[in-house]
PDB file of N, CA and C in Angstrom:
ATOM      1  N   MET A   1     -58.875   0.816 -37.070  1.00  0.00           N
ATOM      2  CA  MET A   1     -57.999   1.646 -36.470  1.00  0.00           C
ATOM      3  C   MET A   1     -56.968   1.180 -35.708  1.00  0.00           C
ATOM      4  N   PRO A   2     -55.547   1.322 -36.028  1.00  0.00           N
ATOM      5  CA  PRO A   2     -54.681   0.733 -35.213  1.00  0.00           C
ATOM      6  C   PRO A   2     -54.529   0.998 -33.788  1.00  0.00           C
ATOM      7  N   TYR A   3     -53.866  -0.003 -32.957  1.00  0.00           N
ATOM      8  CA  TYR A   3     -53.731   0.061 -31.556  1.00  0.00           C
ATOM      9  C   TYR A   3     -53.049   1.134 -31.219  1.00  0.00           C
ATOM     10  N   ASP A   4     -53.519   1.956 -30.143  1.00  0.00           N
ATOM     11  CA  ASP A   4     -52.993   3.338 -29.657  1.00  0.00           C
ATOM     12  C   ASP A   4     -52.566   2.889 -28.154  1.00  0.00           C
ATOM     13  N   ASP A   5     -51.097   3.017 -28.106  1.00  0.00           N
ATOM     14  CA  ASP A   5     -50.771   2.491 -26.523  1.00  0.00           C
ATOM     15  C   ASP A   5     -50.638   3.811 -26.030  1.00  0.00           C
ATOM     16  N   GLN A   6     -51.152   5.021 -26.374  1.00  0.00           N
ATOM     17  CA  GLN A   6     -50.523   6.115 -25.541  1.00  0.00           C
ATOM     18  C   GLN A   6     -51.134   6.255 -24.069  1.00  0.00           C
ATOM     19  N   LEU A   7     -52.240   5.833 -23.851  1.00  0.00           N
ATOM     20  CA  LEU A   7     -52.329   5.692 -22.258  1.00  0.00           C
ATOM     21  C   LEU A   7     -51.454   4.760 -21.665  1.00  0.00           C
ATOM     22  N   ILE A   8     -51.162   3.765 -22.206  1.00  0.00           N
ATOM     23  CA  ILE A   8     -50.079   2.776 -21.370  1.00  0.00           C
ATOM     24  C   ILE A   8     -48.730   3.406 -21.161  1.00  0.00           C
ATOM     25  N   VAL A   9     -48.396   4.176 -22.253  1.00  0.00           N
ATOM     26  CA  VAL A   9     -47.290   4.711 -22.314  1.00  0.00           C
ATOM     27  C   VAL A   9     -47.113   6.135 -21.310  1.00  0.00           C
ATOM     28  N   ASP A  10     -48.293   6.922 -21.426  1.00  0.00           N
ATOM     29  CA  ASP A  10     -48.466   7.827 -20.357  1.00  0.00           C
ATOM     30  C   ASP A  10     -48.196   7.392 -18.987  1.00  0.00           C
ATOM     31  N   HIS A  11     -48.913   6.387 -18.681  1.00  0.00           N
ATOM     32  CA  HIS A  11     -49.009   5.662 -17.097  1.00  0.00           C
ATOM     33  C   HIS A  11     -47.466   5.266 -16.949  1.00  0.00           C
ATOM     34  N   ILE A  12     -46.710   4.656 -17.833  1.00  0.00           N
ATOM     35  CA  ILE A  12     -45.604   4.216 -17.612  1.00  0.00           C
ATOM     36  C   ILE A  12     -44.619   5.360 -17.157  1.00  0.00           C
ATOM     37  N   ARG A  13     -44.670   6.347 -18.040  1.00  0.00           N
ATOM     38  CA  ARG A  13     -43.747   7.653 -17.844  1.00  0.00           C
ATOM     39  C   ARG A  13     -44.176   8.418 -16.513  1.00  0.00           C
ATOM     40  N   GLN A  14     -45.476   8.494 -15.843  1.00  0.00           N
ATOM     41  CA  GLN A  14     -45.908   9.112 -14.935  1.00  0.00           C
ATOM     42  C   GLN A  14     -45.342   8.420 -13.518  1.00  0.00           C
ATOM     43  N   THR A  15     -45.508   6.777 -13.532  1.00  0.00           N
ATOM     44  CA  THR A  15     -45.076   6.169 -12.504  1.00  0.00           C
ATOM     45  C   THR A  15     -43.676   5.869 -12.467  1.00  0.00           C
ATOM     46  N   HIS A  16     -43.070   6.142 -13.608  1.00  0.00           N
ATOM     47  CA  HIS A  16     -41.478   6.014 -13.406  1.00  0.00           C
ATOM     48  C   HIS A  16     -40.992   7.546 -13.091  1.00  0.00           C
ATOM     49  N   ALA A  17     -41.879   8.398 -13.016  1.00  0.00           N
ATOM     50  CA  ALA A  17     -41.287   9.936 -12.668  1.00  0.00           C
ATOM     51  C   ALA A  17     -41.429  10.130 -11.019  1.00  0.00           C
ATOM     52  N   THR A  18     -41.737   8.933 -10.351  1.00  0.00           N
ATOM     53  CA  THR A  18     -41.863   9.016  -8.975  1.00  0.00           C
ATOM     54  C   THR A  18     -40.581   9.166  -8.131  1.00  0.00           C
ATOM     55  N   GLU A  19     -40.584  10.135  -7.275  1.00  0.00           N
ATOM     56  CA  GLU A  19     -38.964  10.241  -6.559  1.00  0.00           C
ATOM     57  C   GLU A  19     -38.984   9.468  -5.469  1.00  0.00           C
ATOM     58  N   LEU A  20     -40.200   8.596  -5.011  1.00  0.00           N
ATOM     59  CA  LEU A  20     -39.973   8.019  -3.877  1.00  0.00           C
ATOM     60  C   LEU A  20     -39.081   6.440  -3.909  1.00  0.00           C
ATOM     61  N   LEU A  21     -38.888   6.234  -5.199  1.00  0.00           N
ATOM     62  CA  LEU A  21     -37.814   5.127  -5.433  1.00  0.00           C
ATOM     63  C   LEU A  21     -36.814   5.660  -6.011  1.00  0.00           C
ATOM     64  N   SER A  22     -35.723   5.214  -5.766  1.00  0.00           N
ATOM     65  CA  SER A  22     -34.436   5.468  -6.694  1.00  0.00           C
ATOM     66  C   SER A  22     -34.342   4.927  -8.030  1.00  0.00           C
ATOM     67  N   GLU A  23     -33.627   5.489  -8.868  1.00  0.00           N
ATOM     68  CA  GLU A  23     -33.513   4.820 -10.200  1.00  0.00           C
ATOM     69  C   GLU A  23     -33.204   3.265 -10.165  1.00  0.00           C
ATOM     70  N   ARG A  24     -31.989   2.988  -8.975  1.00  0.00           N
ATOM     71  CA  ARG A  24     -31.474   1.852  -8.893  1.00  0.00           C
ATOM     72  C   ARG A  24     -32.745   0.660  -8.420  1.00  0.00           C
ATOM     73  N   GLU A  25     -33.682   1.295  -7.662  1.00  0.00           N
ATOM     74  CA  GLU A  25     -34.735   0.725  -7.092  1.00  0.00           C
ATOM     75  C   GLU A  25     -35.908   0.348  -8.343  1.00  0.00           C
ATOM     76  N   LYS A  26     -36.033   1.138  -9.223  1.00  0.00           N
ATOM     77  CA  LYS A  26     -36.926   0.965 -10.259  1.00  0.00           C
ATOM     78  C   LYS A  26     -36.266  -0.092 -11.214  1.00  0.00           C
ATOM     79  N   HIS A  27     -34.960   0.158 -11.215  1.00  0.00           N
ATOM     80  CA  HIS A  27     -34.570  -0.958 -12.429  1.00  0.00           C
ATOM     81  C   HIS A  27     -34.702  -2.222 -11.686  1.00  0.00           C
ATOM     82  N   LEU A  28     -34.301  -2.584 -10.408  1.00  0.00           N
ATOM     83  CA  LEU A  28     -34.485  -3.891  -9.762  1.00  0.00           C
ATOM     84  C   LEU A  28     -35.708  -4.356  -9.921  1.00  0.00           C
ATOM     85  N   ILE A  29     -36.911  -3.472  -9.421  1.00  0.00           N
ATOM     86  CA  ILE A  29     -38.153  -3.989  -9.380  1.00  0.00           C
ATOM     87  C   ILE A  29     -38.664  -4.630 -11.017  1.00  0.00           C
ATOM     88  N   GLY A  30     -38.061  -3.377 -11.926  1.00  0.00           N
ATOM     89  CA  GLY A  30     -38.756  -3.762 -13.240  1.00  0.00           C
ATOM     90  C   GLY A  30     -38.232  -5.028 -13.926  1.00  0.00           C
ATOM     91  N   LEU A  31     -36.861  -5.439 -13.637  1.00  0.00           N
ATOM     92  CA  LEU A  31     -36.227  -6.587 -13.844  1.00  0.00           C
ATOM     93  C   LEU A  31     -36.858  -7.803 -13.366  1.00  0.00           C
ATOM     94  N   ALA A  32     -37.177  -7.621 -12.069  1.00  0.00           N
ATOM     95  CA  ALA A  32     -37.848  -8.794 -11.371  1.00  0.00           C
ATOM     96  C   ALA A  32     -39.131  -9.118 -11.866  1.00  0.00           C
ATOM     97  N   VAL A  33     -39.907  -8.143 -12.439  1.00  0.00           N
ATOM     98  CA  VAL A  33     -41.338  -8.249 -12.987  1.00  0.00           C
ATOM     99  C   VAL A  33     -41.079  -8.894 -14.414  1.00  0.00           C
ATOM    100  N   THR A  34     -40.226  -8.301 -15.141  1.00  0.00           N
ATOM    101  CA  THR A  34     -39.954  -8.940 -16.515  1.00  0.00           C
ATOM    102  C   THR A  34     -39.471 -10.433 -16.642  1.00  0.00           C
ATOM    103  N   MET A  35     -38.714 -10.919 -15.458  1.00  0.00           N
ATOM    104  CA  MET A  35     -38.461 -12.163 -15.366  1.00  0.00           C
ATOM    105  C   MET A  35     -39.654 -13.066 -14.798  1.00  0.00           C
ATOM    106  N   THR A  36     -40.265 -12.371 -14.096  1.00  0.00           N
ATOM    107  CA  THR A  36     -41.489 -13.295 -13.457  1.00  0.00           C
ATOM    108  C   THR A  36     -42.475 -13.436 -14.424  1.00  0.00           C
ATOM    109  N   ARG A  37     -42.414 -12.483 -15.387  1.00  0.00           N
ATOM    110  CA  ARG A  37     -43.691 -12.408 -16.419  1.00  0.00           C
ATOM    111  C   ARG A  37     -43.011 -13.338 -17.620  1.00  0.00           C
ATOM    112  N   GLY A  38     -41.830 -13.352 -17.632  1.00  0.00           N
ATOM    113  CA  GLY A  38     -41.455 -14.589 -18.712  1.00  0.00           C
ATOM    114  C   GLY A  38     -41.029 -13.940 -19.934  1.00  0.00           C
ATOM    115  N   CYS A  39     -40.718 -12.715 -20.035  1.00  0.00           N
ATOM    116  CA  CYS A  39     -40.805 -11.724 -21.494  1.00  0.00           C
ATOM    117  C   CYS A  39     -39.128 -11.747 -21.507  1.00  0.00           C
ATOM    118  N   GLN A  40     -38.543 -12.565 -22.238  1.00  0.00           N
ATOM    119  CA  GLN A  40     -37.330 -12.690 -22.390  1.00  0.00           C
ATOM    120  C   GLN A  40     -36.511 -11.346 -23.289  1.00  0.00           C
ATOM    121  N   VAL A  41     -37.320 -10.754 -24.183  1.00  0.00           N
ATOM    122  CA  VAL A  41     -36.977  -9.471 -24.634  1.00  0.00           C
ATOM    123  C   VAL A  41     -36.901  -8.417 -23.839  1.00  0.00           C
ATOM    124  N   CYS A  42     -37.865  -8.342 -23.011  1.00  0.00           N
ATOM    125  CA  CYS A  42     -38.039  -7.168 -21.880  1.00  0.00           C
ATOM    126  C   CYS A  42     -36.921  -7.288 -20.912  1.00  0.00           C
ATOM    127  N   THR A  43     -36.687  -8.660 -20.376  1.00  0.00           N
ATOM    128  CA  THR A  43     -35.634  -8.835 -19.551  1.00  0.00           C
ATOM    129  C   THR A  43     -34.313  -8.471 -20.055  1.00  0.00           C
ATOM    130  N   ARG A  44     -34.027  -9.031 -21.259  1.00  0.00           N
ATOM    131  CA  ARG A  44     -32.824  -8.479 -21.812  1.00  0.00           C
ATOM    132  C   ARG A  44     -32.530  -6.988 -21.716  1.00  0.00           C
ATOM    133  N   ASN A  45     -33.655  -6.148 -22.293  1.00  0.00           N
ATOM    134  CA  ASN A  45     -33.483  -4.620 -22.319  1.00  0.00           C
ATOM    135  C   ASN A  45     -33.357  -4.048 -20.724  1.00  0.00           C
ATOM    136  N   ARG A  46     -34.163  -4.911 -19.932  1.00  0.00           N
ATOM    137  CA  ARG A  46     -33.810  -4.281 -18.554  1.00  0.00           C
ATOM    138  C   ARG A  46     -32.506  -4.375 -18.042  1.00  0.00           C
ATOM    139  N   ILE A  47     -31.802  -5.759 -18.267  1.00  0.00           N
ATOM    140  CA  ILE A  47     -30.547  -6.106 -17.963  1.00  0.00           C
ATOM    141  C   ILE A  47     -29.759  -4.853 -18.411  1.00  0.00           C
ATOM    142  N   GLU A  48     -29.452  -4.482 -19.791  1.00  0.00           N
ATOM    143  CA  GLU A  48     -28.853  -3.487 -20.479  1.00  0.00           C
ATOM    144  C   GLU A  48     -29.152  -2.042 -19.694  1.00  0.00           C
ATOM    145  N   LYS A  49     -30.372  -1.805 -19.366  1.00  0.00           N
ATOM    146  CA  LYS A  49     -30.420  -0.437 -18.763  1.00  0.00           C
ATOM    147  C   LYS A  49     -30.030  -0.578 -17.358  1.00  0.00           C
ATOM    148  N   ALA A  50     -30.370  -1.683 -16.570  1.00  0.00           N
ATOM    149  CA  ALA A  50     -29.714  -1.690 -15.235  1.00  0.00           C
ATOM    150  C   ALA A  50     -28.036  -1.551 -15.418  1.00  0.00           C
ATOM    151  N   ARG A  51     -27.642  -2.039 -16.117  1.00  0.00           N
ATOM    152  CA  ARG A  51     -25.924  -2.092 -16.318  1.00  0.00           C
ATOM    153  C   ARG A  51     -25.403  -0.690 -16.541  1.00  0.00           C
ATOM    154  N   GLY A  52     -26.288  -0.092 -17.404  1.00  0.00           N
ATOM    155  CA  GLY A  52     -26.257   1.250 -17.890  1.00  0.00           C
ATOM    156  C   GLY A  52     -26.217   2.117 -16.434  1.00  0.00           C
ATOM    157  N   ALA A  53     -27.234   1.953 -15.682  1.00  0.00           N
ATOM    158  CA  ALA A  53     -27.545   2.666 -14.432  1.00  0.00           C
ATOM    159  C   ALA A  53     -26.300   2.396 -13.111  1.00  0.00           C
ATOM    160  N   GLY A  54     -25.553   1.747 -13.659  1.00  0.00           N
ATOM    161  CA  GLY A  54     -24.361   1.182 -12.610  1.00  0.00           C
ATOM    162  C   GLY A  54     -24.306  -0.071 -12.039  1.00  0.00           C
ATOM    163  N   LEU A  55     -25.705  -0.748 -12.195  1.00  0.00           N
ATOM    164  CA  LEU A  55     -25.764  -2.424 -11.454  1.00  0.00           C
ATOM    165  C   LEU A  55     -24.798  -3.112 -11.962  1.00  0.00           C
ATOM    166  N   THR A  56     -24.151  -3.994 -10.999  1.00  0.00           N
ATOM    167  CA  THR A  56     -23.008  -4.806 -11.406  1.00  0.00           C
ATOM    168  C   THR A  56     -23.925  -6.510 -11.681  1.00  0.00           C
ATOM    169  N   ASP A  57     -23.097  -7.127 -12.540  1.00  0.00           N
ATOM    170  CA  ASP A  57     -23.613  -8.408 -12.792  1.00  0.00           C
ATOM    171  C   ASP A  57     -23.780  -9.132 -11.636  1.00  0.00           C
ATOM    172  N   ASP A  58     -23.199  -9.072 -10.395  1.00  0.00           N
ATOM    173  CA  ASP A  58     -23.082  -9.600  -9.071  1.00  0.00           C
ATOM    174  C   ASP A  58     -24.522  -9.206  -8.591  1.00  0.00           C
ATOM    175  N   GLU A  59     -24.908  -7.899  -8.765  1.00  0.00           N
ATOM    176  CA  GLU A  59     -26.177  -7.423  -8.027  1.00  0.00           C
ATOM    177  C   GLU A  59     -27.309  -7.879  -8.722  1.00  0.00           C
ATOM    178  N   LEU A  60     -27.003  -8.042 -10.035  1.00  0.00           N
ATOM    179  CA  LEU A  60     -28.027  -8.475 -10.934  1.00  0.00           C
ATOM    180  C   LEU A  60     -28.371 -10.148 -10.905  1.00  0.00           C
ATOM    181  N   ASN A  61     -27.202 -10.796 -10.577  1.00  0.00           N
ATOM    182  CA  ASN A  61     -27.413 -12.220 -10.304  1.00  0.00           C
ATOM    183  C   ASN A  61     -28.174 -12.599  -8.979  1.00  0.00           C
ATOM    184  N   ALA A  62     -27.556 -11.494  -7.861  1.00  0.00           N
ATOM    185  CA  ALA A  62     -28.385 -11.809  -6.834  1.00  0.00           C
ATOM    186  C   ALA A  62     -29.939 -11.419  -6.897  1.00  0.00           C
ATOM    187  N   LEU A  63     -30.243 -10.602  -7.514  1.00  0.00           N
ATOM    188  CA  LEU A  63     -31.584 -10.240  -8.106  1.00  0.00           C
ATOM    189  C   LEU A  63     -32.081 -11.571  -8.481  1.00  0.00           C
ATOM    190  N   VAL A  64     -31.556 -12.144  -9.440  1.00  0.00           N
ATOM    191  CA  VAL A  64     -32.062 -13.358 -10.175  1.00  0.00           C
ATOM    192  C   VAL A  64     -32.503 -14.391  -9.029  1.00  0.00           C
ATOM    193  N   ALA A  65     -31.562 -14.435  -8.136  1.00  0.00           N
ATOM    194  CA  ALA A  65     -31.594 -15.570  -7.237  1.00  0.00           C
ATOM    195  C   ALA A  65     -32.602 -15.454  -6.508  1.00  0.00           C
ATOM    196  N   VAL A  66     -32.853 -13.968  -5.715  1.00  0.00           N
ATOM    197  CA  VAL A  66     -34.011 -13.747  -4.974  1.00  0.00           C
ATOM    198  C   VAL A  66     -35.364 -13.813  -5.561  1.00  0.00           C
ATOM    199  N   THR A  67     -35.351 -13.455  -6.801  1.00  0.00           N
ATOM    200  CA  THR A  67     -36.640 -13.666  -7.750  1.00  0.00           C
ATOM    201  C   THR A  67     -37.081 -15.227  -7.848  1.00  0.00           C
ATOM    202  N   SER A  68     -36.004 -15.843  -8.158  1.00  0.00           N
ATOM    203  CA  SER A  68     -36.309 -17.206  -8.451  1.00  0.00           C
ATOM    204  C   SER A  68     -36.718 -17.856  -7.005  1.00  0.00           C
ATOM    205  N   ALA A  69     -36.235 -17.198  -5.791  1.00  0.00           N
ATOM    206  CA  ALA A  69     -36.713 -18.010  -4.566  1.00  0.00           C
ATOM    207  C   ALA A  69     -38.156 -17.510  -4.184  1.00  0.00           C
ATOM    208  N   VAL A  70     -38.383 -16.366  -4.466  1.00  0.00           N
ATOM    209  CA  VAL A  70     -39.810 -15.733  -4.053  1.00  0.00           C
ATOM    210  C   VAL A  70     -40.698 -16.578  -5.095  1.00  0.00           C
ATOM    211  N   ASN A  71     -40.441 -16.740  -6.435  1.00  0.00           N
ATOM    212  CA  ASN A  71     -41.581 -17.203  -7.329  1.00  0.00           C
ATOM    213  C   ASN A  71     -41.338 -18.631  -6.905  1.00  0.00           C
ATOM    214  N   SER A  72     -40.610 -19.478  -6.532  1.00  0.00           N
ATOM    215  CA  SER A  72     -40.850 -20.828  -6.183  1.00  0.00           C
ATOM    216  C   SER A  72     -41.379 -20.904  -4.775  1.00  0.00           C
ATOM    217  N   GLY A  73     -41.322 -19.887  -3.980  1.00  0.00           N
ATOM    218  CA  GLY A  73     -41.931 -20.169  -2.717  1.00  0.00           C
ATOM    219  C   GLY A  73     -43.609 -19.880  -3.065  1.00  0.00           C
ATOM    220  N   VAL A  74     -43.899 -18.871  -4.025  1.00  0.00           N
ATOM    221  CA  VAL A  74     -45.368 -18.642  -4.369  1.00  0.00           C
ATOM    222  C   VAL A  74     -45.929 -19.869  -5.103  1.00  0.00           C
ATOM    223  N   THR A  75     -44.994 -20.474  -5.942  1.00  0.00           N
ATOM    224  CA  THR A  75     -45.351 -21.728  -6.497  1.00  0.00           C
ATOM    225  C   THR A  75     -45.856 -22.864  -5.631  1.00  0.00           C
ATOM    226  N   ALA A  76     -45.108 -22.875  -4.535  1.00  0.00           N
ATOM    227  CA  ALA A  76     -45.390 -23.936  -3.324  1.00  0.00           C
ATOM    228  C   ALA A  76     -46.539 -23.763  -2.617  1.00  0.00           C
ATOM    229  N   ALA A  77     -46.548 -22.386  -2.311  1.00  0.00           N
ATOM    230  CA  ALA A  77     -47.729 -21.909  -1.331  1.00  0.00           C
ATOM    231  C   ALA A  77     -49.085 -22.317  -2.271  1.00  0.00           C
ATOM    232  N   THR A  78     -49.219 -21.787  -3.550  1.00  0.00           N
ATOM    233  CA  THR A  78     -50.163 -21.789  -4.283  1.00  0.00           C
ATOM    234  C   THR A  78     -50.753 -23.464  -4.674  1.00  0.00           C
ATOM    235  N   ALA A  79     -49.580 -24.386  -4.808  1.00  0.00           N
ATOM    236  CA  ALA A  79     -49.977 -25.802  -4.746  1.00  0.00           C
ATOM    237  C   ALA A  79     -50.476 -26.256  -3.597  1.00  0.00           C
ATOM    238  N   ARG A  80     -49.843 -25.789  -2.413  1.00  0.00           N
ATOM    239  CA  ARG A  80     -50.146 -26.463  -1.274  1.00  0.00           C
ATOM    240  C   ARG A  80     -51.832 -26.130  -0.772  1.00  0.00           C
ATOM    241  N   VAL A  81     -52.219 -24.758  -1.098  1.00  0.00           N
ATOM    242  CA  VAL A  81     -53.556 -24.270  -0.944  1.00  0.00           C
ATOM    243  C   VAL A  81     -54.524 -25.175  -1.963  1.00  0.00           C
ATOM    244  N   ALA A  82     -53.904 -25.369  -3.222  1.00  0.00           N
ATOM    245  CA  ALA A  82     -54.904 -25.884  -4.249  1.00  0.00           C
ATOM    246  C   ALA A  82     -55.121 -27.406  -3.723  1.00  0.00           C
ATOM    247  N   PHE A  83     -54.114 -28.149  -3.093  1.00  0.00           N
ATOM    248  CA  PHE A  83     -54.235 -29.551  -2.569  1.00  0.00           C
ATOM    249  C   PHE A  83     -55.295 -29.515  -1.494  1.00  0.00           C
ATOM    250  N   GLY A  84     -55.085 -28.432  -0.710  1.00  0.00           N
ATOM    251  CA  GLY A  84     -55.989 -28.403   0.448  1.00  0.00           C
ATOM    252  C   GLY A  84     -57.747 -28.268   0.142  1.00  0.00           C
ATOM    253  N   MET A  85     -57.445 -27.549  -0.928  1.00  0.00           N
ATOM    254  CA  MET A  85     -59.246 -27.055  -1.377  1.00  0.00           C
ATOM    255  C   MET A  85     -59.617 -28.274  -1.655  1.00  0.00           C
ATOM    256  N   ILE A  86     -58.740 -29.147  -2.665  1.00  0.00           N
ATOM    257  CA  ILE A  86     -59.329 -30.284  -3.246  1.00  0.00           C
ATOM    258  C   ILE A  86     -59.751 -31.489  -1.905  1.00  0.00           C
ATOM    259  N   GLU A  87     -58.859 -31.424  -1.168  1.00  0.00           N
ATOM    260  CA  GLU A  87     -58.976 -32.319  -0.022  1.00  0.00           C
ATOM    261  C   GLU A  87     -60.418 -31.909   0.892  1.00  0.00           C
ATOM    262  N   GLU A  88     -60.466 -30.634   1.006  1.00  0.00           N
ATOM    263  CA  GLU A  88     -61.842 -30.002   1.511  1.00  0.00           C
ATOM    264  C   GLU A  88     -62.956 -30.606   0.899  1.00  0.00           C
ATOM    265  N   GLU A  89     -63.048 -30.251  -0.579  1.00  0.00           N
ATOM    266  CA  GLU A  89     -64.043 -30.491  -1.265  1.00  0.00           C
ATOM    267  C   GLU A  89     -64.418 -32.180  -1.214  1.00  0.00           C
ATOM    268  N   ASN A  90     -63.415 -32.738  -1.618  1.00  0.00           N
ATOM    269  CA  ASN A  90     -63.536 -34.403  -1.276  1.00  0.00           C
ATOM    270  C   ASN A  90     -64.137 -34.838  -0.089  1.00  0.00           C
ATOM    271  N   ALA A  91     -63.616 -34.008   1.009  1.00  0.00           N
ATOM    272  CA  ALA A  91     -64.359 -34.634   2.375  1.00  0.00           C
ATOM    273  C   ALA A  91     -65.725 -34.150   2.632  1.00  0.00           C
ATOM    274  N   ALA A  92     -65.823 -32.939   1.962  1.00  0.00           N
ATOM    275  CA  ALA A  92     -67.099 -32.426   2.035  1.00  0.00           C
ATOM    276  C   ALA A  92     -68.359 -33.361   1.256  1.00  0.00           C
ATOM    277  N   GLU A  93     -67.698 -33.796   0.013  1.00  0.00           N
ATOM    278  CA  GLU A  93     -68.857 -34.715  -0.796  1.00  0.00           C
ATOM    279  C   GLU A  93     -68.824 -36.069  -0.020  1.00  0.00           C
ATOM    280  N   CYS A  94     -67.799 -36.545   0.642  1.00  0.00           N
ATOM    281  CA  CYS A  94     -68.067 -37.753   1.192  1.00  0.00           C
ATOM    282  C   CYS A  94     -68.822 -37.984   2.485  1.00  0.00           C
ATOM    283  N   GLY A  95     -68.859 -36.865   3.471  1.00  0.00           N
ATOM    284  CA  GLY A  95     -69.437 -36.828   4.508  1.00  0.00           C
ATOM    285  C   GLY A  95     -69.145 -38.003   5.468  1.00  0.00           C
ATOM    286  N   ASP A  96     -69.960 -38.597   6.289  1.00  0.00           N
ATOM    287  CA  ASP A  96     -69.663 -39.725   7.306  1.00  0.00           C
ATOM    288  C   ASP A  96     -69.228 -40.673   6.494  1.00  0.00           C
ATOM    289  N   VAL A  97     -69.571 -40.925   5.145  1.00  0.00           N
ATOM    290  CA  VAL A  97     -69.236 -42.341   4.477  1.00  0.00           C
ATOM    291  C   VAL A  97     -67.657 -42.364   4.384  1.00  0.00           C
ATOM    292  N   CYS A  98     -66.971 -41.135   4.354  1.00  0.00           N
ATOM    293  CA  CYS A  98     -65.139 -41.183   4.123  1.00  0.00           C
ATOM    294  C   CYS A  98     -64.912 -40.944   5.717  1.00  0.00           C
ATOM    295  N   SER A  99     -65.475 -40.616   6.635  1.00  0.00           N
ATOM    296  CA  SER A  99     -64.837 -40.284   7.855  1.00  0.00           C
ATOM    297  C   SER A  99     -64.180 -41.497   8.532  1.00  0.00           C
ATOM    298  N   ALA A 100     -63.413 -41.084   9.290  1.00  0.00           N
ATOM    299  CA  ALA A 100     -62.489 -41.907  10.056  1.00  0.00           C
ATOM    300  C   ALA A 100     -63.266 -42.556  11.283  1.00  0.00           C
ATOM    301  N   SER A 101     -64.188 -41.656  11.728  1.00  0.00           N
ATOM    302  CA  SER A 101     -65.155 -41.926  12.921  1.00  0.00           C
ATOM    303  C   SER A 101     -66.540 -41.498  12.535  1.00  0.00           C
ATOM    304  N   PRO A 102     -67.270 -42.301  11.817  1.00  0.00           N
ATOM    305  CA  PRO A 102     -68.485 -41.765  11.471  1.00  0.00           C
ATOM    306  C   PRO A 102     -69.456 -41.779  12.552  1.00  0.00           C
ATOM    307  N   GLN A 103     -70.198 -40.810  12.558  1.00  0.00           N
ATOM    308  CA  GLN A 103     -71.171 -40.178  13.509  1.00  0.00           C
ATOM    309  C   GLN A 103     -72.444 -41.437  13.735  1.00  0.00           C
TER     310      GLN A 103
END
């Protein structure tokens, strides 16, 4: 049986039908997500759709800058937490032996 994407397509249509976000906001969010996920084809298509909806290249470039900044911040925070986890694990394994002031 071939893949049936109908559930996904229906979900996307239903989600895009919301009136709580403007079309402009939907385009900006969609583009930020596709860039973050790294899909070049999706990003290209989203840029075309955003331009068609009236977004300028200056606005799209500002979105690229903000998306890049947020992603780099998340990357740094993730690394910081990971290093901290390793340090905690190493300190726990070492106990008093590695302590600067053994008990």
